[in-house]
Amino acid sequence: MKPKKFVTIIALFIVLLSASMTTYYIIHAGTGKVVQQGIRFFLTCLLAFFLIEGSSKARWITIALLS
């Protein structure tokens, strides 16, 4: 598997996990903090985009967040 394809799969997994966590939170806790959840999802998508683009800063941020 090519490295770029592997990174793309990991980034999509992270975005899907974030989307499912946001959905789960809204279902169980209500829409009280939907703005915060939306901002967090947007930042996750932005991080995934930069990760796919090959940014070394995004790679280190991802390592720090997932470890």
PDB file of N, CA and C in Angstrom:
ATOM      1  N   MET A   1       0.846  -1.168   0.000  1.00  0.00           N
ATOM      2  CA  MET A   1       0.000   0.000   0.000  1.00  0.00           C
ATOM      3  C   MET A   1       0.896   1.237   0.000  1.00  0.00           C
ATOM      4  N   LYS A   2       0.543   2.189  -0.822  1.00  0.00           N
ATOM      5  CA  LYS A   2       1.317   3.428  -0.907  1.00  0.00           C
ATOM      6  C   LYS A   2       1.097   4.267   0.354  1.00  0.00           C
ATOM      7  N   PRO A   3       2.133   5.003   0.781  1.00  0.00           N
ATOM      8  CA  PRO A   3       1.999   5.803   2.012  1.00  0.00           C
ATOM      9  C   PRO A   3       0.869   6.829   1.954  1.00  0.00           C
ATOM     10  N   LYS A   4       0.676   7.494   0.815  1.00  0.00           N
ATOM     11  CA  LYS A   4      -0.382   8.515   0.715  1.00  0.00           C
ATOM     12  C   LYS A   4      -1.754   7.868   0.864  1.00  0.00           C
ATOM     13  N   LYS A   5      -1.934   6.682   0.297  1.00  0.00           N
ATOM     14  CA  LYS A   5      -3.214   5.988   0.422  1.00  0.00           C
ATOM     15  C   LYS A   5      -3.462   5.590   1.872  1.00  0.00           C
ATOM     16  N   PHE A   6      -2.415   5.139   2.553  1.00  0.00           N
ATOM     17  CA  PHE A   6      -2.530   4.759   3.961  1.00  0.00           C
ATOM     18  C   PHE A   6      -2.918   5.961   4.815  1.00  0.00           C
ATOM     19  N   VAL A   7      -2.273   7.099   4.581  1.00  0.00           N
ATOM     20  CA  VAL A   7      -2.580   8.322   5.334  1.00  0.00           C
ATOM     21  C   VAL A   7      -4.011   8.765   5.057  1.00  0.00           C
ATOM     22  N   THR A   8      -4.455   8.641   3.811  1.00  0.00           N
ATOM     23  CA  THR A   8      -5.826   9.008   3.460  1.00  0.00           C
ATOM     24  C   THR A   8      -6.830   8.128   4.195  1.00  0.00           C
ATOM     25  N   ILE A   9      -6.554   6.844   4.274  1.00  0.00           N
ATOM     26  CA  ILE A   9      -7.451   5.930   4.987  1.00  0.00           C
ATOM     27  C   ILE A   9      -7.499   6.280   6.474  1.00  0.00           C
ATOM     28  N   ILE A  10      -6.358   6.553   7.069  1.00  0.00           N
ATOM     29  CA  ILE A  10      -6.313   6.926   8.489  1.00  0.00           C
ATOM     30  C   ILE A  10      -7.065   8.236   8.725  1.00  0.00           C
ATOM     31  N   ALA A  11      -6.864   9.222   7.848  1.00  0.00           N
ATOM     32  CA  ALA A  11      -7.542  10.513   7.991  1.00  0.00           C
ATOM     33  C   ALA A  11      -9.058  10.347   7.872  1.00  0.00           C
ATOM     34  N   LEU A  12      -9.509   9.543   6.934  1.00  0.00           N
ATOM     35  CA  LEU A  12     -10.952   9.306   6.792  1.00  0.00           C
ATOM     36  C   LEU A  12     -11.509   8.579   8.006  1.00  0.00           C
ATOM     37  N   PHE A  13     -10.744   7.649   8.544  1.00  0.00           N
ATOM     38  CA  PHE A  13     -11.166   6.961   9.765  1.00  0.00           C
ATOM     39  C   PHE A  13     -11.322   7.946  10.916  1.00  0.00           C
ATOM     40  N   ILE A  14     -10.388   8.865  11.055  1.00  0.00           N
ATOM     41  CA  ILE A  14     -10.458   9.863  12.126  1.00  0.00           C
ATOM     42  C   ILE A  14     -11.684  10.758  11.953  1.00  0.00           C
ATOM     43  N   VAL A  15     -11.966  11.168  10.712  1.00  0.00           N
ATOM     44  CA  VAL A  15     -13.132  12.021  10.452  1.00  0.00           C
ATOM     45  C   VAL A  15     -14.425  11.255  10.733  1.00  0.00           C
ATOM     46  N   LEU A  16     -14.499   9.997  10.304  1.00  0.00           N
ATOM     47  CA  LEU A  16     -15.701   9.200  10.565  1.00  0.00           C
ATOM     48  C   LEU A  16     -15.894   8.946  12.059  1.00  0.00           C
ATOM     49  N   LEU A  17     -14.805   8.719  12.774  1.00  0.00           N
ATOM     50  CA  LEU A  17     -14.896   8.539  14.221  1.00  0.00           C
ATOM     51  C   LEU A  17     -15.382   9.817  14.894  1.00  0.00           C
ATOM     52  N   SER A  18     -14.887  10.949  14.461  1.00  0.00           N
ATOM     53  CA  SER A  18     -15.327  12.224  15.023  1.00  0.00           C
ATOM     54  C   SER A  18     -16.801  12.480  14.727  1.00  0.00           C
ATOM     55  N   ALA A  19     -17.223  12.166  13.512  1.00  0.00           N
ATOM     56  CA  ALA A  19     -18.635  12.349  13.149  1.00  0.00           C
ATOM     57  C   ALA A  19     -19.533  11.442  13.980  1.00  0.00           C
ATOM     58  N   SER A  20     -19.108  10.214  14.200  1.00  0.00           N
ATOM     59  CA  SER A  20     -19.932   9.306  14.999  1.00  0.00           C
ATOM     60  C   SER A  20     -19.972   9.739  16.461  1.00  0.00           C
ATOM     61  N   MET A  21     -18.859  10.270  16.978  1.00  0.00           N
ATOM     62  CA  MET A  21     -18.858  10.762  18.357  1.00  0.00           C
ATOM     63  C   MET A  21     -19.764  11.984  18.502  1.00  0.00           C
ATOM     64  N   THR A  22     -19.755  12.857  17.506  1.00  0.00           N
ATOM     65  CA  THR A  22     -20.631  14.028  17.534  1.00  0.00           C
ATOM     66  C   THR A  22     -22.089  13.600  17.491  1.00  0.00           C
ATOM     67  N   THR A  23     -22.412  12.662  16.627  1.00  0.00           N
ATOM     68  CA  THR A  23     -23.780  12.155  16.527  1.00  0.00           C
ATOM     69  C   THR A  23     -24.218  11.497  17.829  1.00  0.00           C
ATOM     70  N   TYR A  24     -23.346  10.683  18.392  1.00  0.00           N
ATOM     71  CA  TYR A  24     -23.654  10.017  19.659  1.00  0.00           C
ATOM     72  C   TYR A  24     -23.915  11.053  20.757  1.00  0.00           C
ATOM     73  N   TYR A  25     -23.080  12.081  20.816  1.00  0.00           N
ATOM     74  CA  TYR A  25     -23.243  13.112  21.840  1.00  0.00           C
ATOM     75  C   TYR A  25     -24.583  13.831  21.670  1.00  0.00           C
ATOM     76  N   ILE A  26     -24.926  14.179  20.435  1.00  0.00           N
ATOM     77  CA  ILE A  26     -26.174  14.904  20.195  1.00  0.00           C
ATOM     78  C   ILE A  26     -27.381  14.035  20.546  1.00  0.00           C
ATOM     79  N   ILE A  27     -27.306  12.746  20.229  1.00  0.00           N
ATOM     80  CA  ILE A  27     -28.422  11.845  20.529  1.00  0.00           C
ATOM     81  C   ILE A  27     -28.619  11.703  22.038  1.00  0.00           C
ATOM     82  N   HIS A  28     -27.524  11.558  22.781  1.00  0.00           N
ATOM     83  CA  HIS A  28     -27.642  11.271  24.206  1.00  0.00           C
ATOM     84  C   HIS A  28     -27.646  12.500  25.101  1.00  0.00           C
ATOM     85  N   ALA A  29     -26.984  13.566  24.730  1.00  0.00           N
ATOM     86  CA  ALA A  29     -26.908  14.742  25.595  1.00  0.00           C
ATOM     87  C   ALA A  29     -27.744  15.908  25.085  1.00  0.00           C
ATOM     88  N   GLY A  30     -28.281  15.797  23.896  1.00  0.00           N
ATOM     89  CA  GLY A  30     -29.084  16.877  23.357  1.00  0.00           C
ATOM     90  C   GLY A  30     -28.253  17.856  22.543  1.00  0.00           C
ATOM     91  N   THR A  31     -28.908  18.905  22.125  1.00  0.00           N
ATOM     92  CA  THR A  31     -28.263  19.868  21.234  1.00  0.00           C
ATOM     93  C   THR A  31     -27.732  21.086  21.971  1.00  0.00           C
ATOM     94  N   GLY A  32     -27.510  20.971  23.253  1.00  0.00           N
ATOM     95  CA  GLY A  32     -27.042  22.101  24.044  1.00  0.00           C
ATOM     96  C   GLY A  32     -25.665  22.603  23.634  1.00  0.00           C
ATOM     97  N   LYS A  33     -24.793  21.711  23.243  1.00  0.00           N
ATOM     98  CA  LYS A  33     -23.430  22.103  22.867  1.00  0.00           C
ATOM     99  C   LYS A  33     -23.149  21.752  21.408  1.00  0.00           C
ATOM    100  N   VAL A  34     -24.136  21.890  20.567  1.00  0.00           N
ATOM    101  CA  VAL A  34     -23.965  21.509  19.168  1.00  0.00           C
ATOM    102  C   VAL A  34     -22.960  22.415  18.451  1.00  0.00           C
ATOM    103  N   VAL A  35     -22.848  23.665  18.889  1.00  0.00           N
ATOM    104  CA  VAL A  35     -21.884  24.575  18.270  1.00  0.00           C
ATOM    105  C   VAL A  35     -20.464  24.102  18.560  1.00  0.00           C
ATOM    106  N   GLN A  36     -20.191  23.741  19.811  1.00  0.00           N
ATOM    107  CA  GLN A  36     -18.860  23.237  20.164  1.00  0.00           C
ATOM    108  C   GLN A  36     -18.542  21.953  19.404  1.00  0.00           C
ATOM    109  N   GLN A  37     -19.523  21.076  19.290  1.00  0.00           N
ATOM    110  CA  GLN A  37     -19.312  19.820  18.569  1.00  0.00           C
ATOM    111  C   GLN A  37     -19.052  20.094  17.087  1.00  0.00           C
ATOM    112  N   GLY A  38     -19.762  21.055  16.524  1.00  0.00           N
ATOM    113  CA  GLY A  38     -19.546  21.412  15.122  1.00  0.00           C
ATOM    114  C   GLY A  38     -18.163  21.993  14.882  1.00  0.00           C
ATOM    115  N   ILE A  39     -17.715  22.840  15.803  1.00  0.00           N
ATOM    116  CA  ILE A  39     -16.372  23.421  15.682  1.00  0.00           C
ATOM    117  C   ILE A  39     -15.314  22.330  15.810  1.00  0.00           C
ATOM    118  N   ARG A  40     -15.506  21.413  16.739  1.00  0.00           N
ATOM    119  CA  ARG A  40     -14.548  20.318  16.906  1.00  0.00           C
ATOM    120  C   ARG A  40     -14.495  19.444  15.662  1.00  0.00           C
ATOM    121  N   PHE A  41     -15.654  19.176  15.060  1.00  0.00           N
ATOM    122  CA  PHE A  41     -15.686  18.374  13.838  1.00  0.00           C
ATOM    123  C   PHE A  41     -14.997  19.119  12.691  1.00  0.00           C
ATOM    124  N   PHE A  42     -15.232  20.419  12.588  1.00  0.00           N
ATOM    125  CA  PHE A  42     -14.570  21.216  11.549  1.00  0.00           C
ATOM    126  C   PHE A  42     -13.055  21.176  11.714  1.00  0.00           C
ATOM    127  N   LEU A  43     -12.567  21.326  12.939  1.00  0.00           N
ATOM    128  CA  LEU A  43     -11.127  21.282  13.186  1.00  0.00           C
ATOM    129  C   LEU A  43     -10.549  19.905  12.882  1.00  0.00           C
ATOM    130  N   THR A  44     -11.314  18.861  13.156  1.00  0.00           N
ATOM    131  CA  THR A  44     -10.867  17.514  12.817  1.00  0.00           C
ATOM    132  C   THR A  44     -10.756  17.347  11.310  1.00  0.00           C
ATOM    133  N   CYS A  45     -11.741  17.866  10.574  1.00  0.00           N
ATOM    134  CA  CYS A  45     -11.691  17.794   9.103  1.00  0.00           C
ATOM    135  C   CYS A  45     -10.507  18.601   8.567  1.00  0.00           C
ATOM    136  N   LEU A  46     -10.258  19.745   9.148  1.00  0.00           N
ATOM    137  CA  LEU A  46      -9.133  20.570   8.731  1.00  0.00           C
ATOM    138  C   LEU A  46      -7.803  19.862   8.999  1.00  0.00           C
ATOM    139  N   LEU A  47      -7.690  19.235  10.155  1.00  0.00           N
ATOM    140  CA  LEU A  47      -6.483  18.479  10.474  1.00  0.00           C
ATOM    141  C   LEU A  47      -6.304  17.316   9.506  1.00  0.00           C
ATOM    142  N   ALA A  48      -7.383  16.625   9.175  1.00  0.00           N
ATOM    143  CA  ALA A  48      -7.300  15.509   8.226  1.00  0.00           C
ATOM    144  C   ALA A  48      -6.878  16.003   6.846  1.00  0.00           C
ATOM    145  N   PHE A  49      -7.383  17.148   6.433  1.00  0.00           N
ATOM    146  CA  PHE A  49      -6.999  17.704   5.136  1.00  0.00           C
ATOM    147  C   PHE A  49      -5.499  17.973   5.082  1.00  0.00           C
ATOM    148  N   PHE A  50      -4.990  18.640   6.118  1.00  0.00           N
ATOM    149  CA  PHE A  50      -3.565  18.943   6.138  1.00  0.00           C
ATOM    150  C   PHE A  50      -2.716  17.681   6.297  1.00  0.00           C
ATOM    151  N   LEU A  51      -3.252  16.691   6.956  1.00  0.00           N
ATOM    152  CA  LEU A  51      -2.551  15.421   7.080  1.00  0.00           C
ATOM    153  C   LEU A  51      -2.423  14.746   5.721  1.00  0.00           C
ATOM    154  N   ILE A  52      -3.484  14.769   4.937  1.00  0.00           N
ATOM    155  CA  ILE A  52      -3.451  14.184   3.593  1.00  0.00           C
ATOM    156  C   ILE A  52      -2.517  14.977   2.688  1.00  0.00           C
ATOM    157  N   GLU A  53      -2.477  16.295   2.869  1.00  0.00           N
ATOM    158  CA  GLU A  53      -1.601  17.134   2.056  1.00  0.00           C
ATOM    159  C   GLU A  53      -0.121  16.934   2.378  1.00  0.00           C
ATOM    160  N   GLY A  54       0.168  16.354   3.535  1.00  0.00           N
ATOM    161  CA  GLY A  54       1.546  16.049   3.872  1.00  0.00           C
ATOM    162  C   GLY A  54       2.216  17.017   4.824  1.00  0.00           C
ATOM    163  N   SER A  55       1.444  17.795   5.549  1.00  0.00           N
ATOM    164  CA  SER A  55       2.015  18.758   6.489  1.00  0.00           C
ATOM    165  C   SER A  55       2.659  18.029   7.670  1.00  0.00           C
ATOM    166  N   SER A  56       3.911  18.367   7.948  1.00  0.00           N
ATOM    167  CA  SER A  56       4.591  17.725   9.072  1.00  0.00           C
ATOM    168  C   SER A  56       4.002  18.183  10.406  1.00  0.00           C
ATOM    169  N   LYS A  57       3.540  19.426  10.477  1.00  0.00           N
ATOM    170  CA  LYS A  57       2.904  19.908  11.713  1.00  0.00           C
ATOM    171  C   LYS A  57       1.620  19.130  12.001  1.00  0.00           C
ATOM    172  N   ALA A  58       0.832  18.871  10.961  1.00  0.00           N
ATOM    173  CA  ALA A  58      -0.401  18.104  11.140  1.00  0.00           C
ATOM    174  C   ALA A  58      -0.080  16.680  11.593  1.00  0.00           C
ATOM    175  N   ARG A  59       1.006  16.120  11.081  1.00  0.00           N
ATOM    176  CA  ARG A  59       1.405  14.773  11.477  1.00  0.00           C
ATOM    177  C   ARG A  59       1.757  14.743  12.960  1.00  0.00           C
ATOM    178  N   TRP A  60       2.511  15.727  13.441  1.00  0.00           N
ATOM    179  CA  TRP A  60       2.896  15.753  14.850  1.00  0.00           C
ATOM    180  C   TRP A  60       1.697  16.050  15.757  1.00  0.00           C
ATOM    181  N   ILE A  61       0.795  16.897  15.312  1.00  0.00           N
ATOM    182  CA  ILE A  61      -0.416  17.169  16.100  1.00  0.00           C
ATOM    183  C   ILE A  61      -1.251  15.905  16.209  1.00  0.00           C
ATOM    184  N   THR A  62      -1.364  15.162  15.110  1.00  0.00           N
ATOM    185  CA  THR A  62      -2.128  13.917  15.125  1.00  0.00           C
ATOM    186  C   THR A  62      -1.479  12.904  16.059  1.00  0.00           C
ATOM    187  N   ILE A  63      -0.171  12.801  16.013  1.00  0.00           N
ATOM    188  CA  ILE A  63       0.526  11.877  16.911  1.00  0.00           C
ATOM    189  C   ILE A  63       0.273  12.263  18.368  1.00  0.00           C
ATOM    190  N   ALA A  64       0.338  13.560  18.663  1.00  0.00           N
ATOM    191  CA  ALA A  64       0.122  14.023  20.038  1.00  0.00           C
ATOM    192  C   ALA A  64      -1.306  13.767  20.497  1.00  0.00           C
ATOM    193  N   LEU A  65      -2.282  13.967  19.617  1.00  0.00           N
ATOM    194  CA  LEU A  65      -3.678  13.780  20.011  1.00  0.00           C
ATOM    195  C   LEU A  65      -4.068  12.326  20.156  1.00  0.00           C
ATOM    196  N   LEU A  66      -3.474  11.460  19.353  1.00  0.00           N
ATOM    197  CA  LEU A  66      -3.867  10.052  19.373  1.00  0.00           C
ATOM    198  C   LEU A  66      -3.027   9.192  20.308  1.00  0.00           C
ATOM    199  N   SER A  67      -2.019   9.766  20.922  1.00  0.00           N
ATOM    200  CA  SER A  67      -1.193   8.952  21.814  1.00  0.00           C
ATOM    201  C   SER A  67      -1.620   9.092  23.258  1.00  0.00           C
TER     202      SER A  67
END
